[in-house]
Amino acid sequence: MALLPRAGPAAVTTQPLTTTAPPAAADVQGDAASWWLSTERMTICVDLDAAGIIVAAPPVARKFIGQPAKNLGNWLRRQPGFRCQKL
């Protein structure tokens, strides 16, 4: 007797999420670090120099360029669902 095919949809395997996002600005020096910041309202990527100063950011966070990253972090922490990760 032959085996019957399995009922239901085929099994789907998922691969772990890999982040290969480019830096927010291509002209930033090599010692810059990119950070992914997310809340329930927005997700952005910013570049920090070696001293922790924001050197590149999208328009919504452009006013933080030249300021310490702590200022941007404090602003985002007031929004629900704040998460951050170094890229």
Protein backbone atom coordinates (compact mmCIF):
# COMPACT_ATOMS: atom_id res chain seq x y z
CA MET A 1 0.00 0.00 0.00
CA ALA A 2 1.37 3.46 -0.96
CA LEU A 3 1.72 6.24 1.59
CA LEU A 4 -0.83 9.01 1.30
CA PRO A 5 0.43 12.57 0.86
CA ARG A 6 0.48 14.70 3.99
CA ALA A 7 -2.57 16.92 4.35
CA GLY A 8 -2.23 20.66 4.80
CA PRO A 9 0.27 23.22 3.55
CA ALA A 10 3.92 22.38 3.09
CA ALA A 11 6.20 23.10 6.01
CA VAL A 12 7.91 26.47 5.81
CA THR A 13 11.35 26.99 7.25
CA THR A 14 12.32 30.46 8.34
CA GLN A 15 15.84 31.78 8.43
CA PRO A 16 17.08 34.10 11.15
CA LEU A 17 16.77 37.79 10.42
CA THR A 18 20.04 39.30 9.21
CA THR A 19 20.61 43.01 9.12
CA THR A 20 22.66 44.34 6.24
CA ALA A 21 21.42 47.90 6.29
CA PRO A 22 23.82 50.48 4.92
CA PRO A 23 24.86 53.40 7.08
CA ALA A 24 22.46 56.36 7.07
CA ALA A 25 25.03 58.43 5.17
CA ALA A 26 27.58 57.04 2.74
CA ASP A 27 30.05 59.89 3.37
CA VAL A 28 30.46 59.20 7.11
CA GLN A 29 33.97 58.20 8.21
CA GLY A 30 34.81 54.56 8.99
CA ASP A 31 34.77 55.03 12.78
CA ALA A 32 31.04 55.78 12.74
CA ALA A 33 28.58 53.27 14.15
CA SER A 34 25.06 52.79 12.80
CA TRP A 35 22.16 52.29 15.20
CA TRP A 36 18.65 51.03 14.48
CA LEU A 37 16.05 52.73 16.69
CA SER A 38 12.38 51.78 16.68
CA THR A 39 9.16 52.71 18.46
CA GLU A 40 5.53 51.94 17.71
CA ARG A 41 5.42 55.17 15.66
CA MET A 42 8.69 55.11 13.69
CA THR A 43 11.84 53.21 12.82
CA ILE A 44 15.05 55.06 11.97
CA CYS A 45 18.76 54.45 11.44
CA VAL A 46 21.32 56.97 12.70
CA ASP A 47 25.12 57.16 12.51
CA LEU A 48 27.25 58.11 15.52
CA ASP A 49 30.90 59.13 15.55
CA ALA A 50 33.42 57.68 18.01
CA ALA A 51 32.40 60.24 20.66
CA GLY A 52 28.69 59.28 20.47
CA ILE A 53 27.62 62.38 18.54
CA ILE A 54 24.95 61.91 15.85
CA VAL A 55 26.48 62.64 12.43
CA ALA A 56 23.68 61.41 10.12
CA ALA A 57 19.96 60.90 10.63
CA PRO A 58 16.73 60.81 8.59
CA PRO A 59 14.58 63.97 8.36
CA VAL A 60 12.43 63.12 11.40
CA ALA A 61 15.54 63.14 13.61
CA ARG A 62 17.61 65.70 11.72
CA LYS A 63 17.42 68.21 14.59
CA PHE A 64 19.57 65.79 16.66
CA ILE A 65 22.55 65.91 14.26
CA GLY A 66 25.51 67.30 16.20
CA GLN A 67 23.97 66.35 19.56
CA PRO A 68 24.86 63.42 21.82
CA ALA A 69 22.93 60.22 21.07
CA LYS A 70 21.53 60.34 24.61
CA ASN A 71 19.28 63.25 23.60
CA LEU A 72 17.69 61.25 20.76
CA GLY A 73 17.39 58.19 23.02
CA ASN A 74 15.60 60.21 25.70
CA TRP A 75 13.14 61.56 23.11
CA LEU A 76 12.40 58.10 21.72
CA ARG A 77 12.06 56.49 25.17
CA ARG A 78 9.01 58.68 25.79
CA GLN A 79 7.25 56.83 22.94
CA PRO A 80 5.78 53.38 23.49
CA GLY A 81 7.65 50.29 22.36
CA PHE A 82 11.19 51.73 22.20
CA ARG A 83 13.90 49.33 21.00
CA CYS A 84 17.43 49.92 19.74
CA GLN A 85 20.21 47.81 18.28
CA LYS A 86 23.69 48.49 16.97
CA LEU A 87 24.06 47.47 13.32
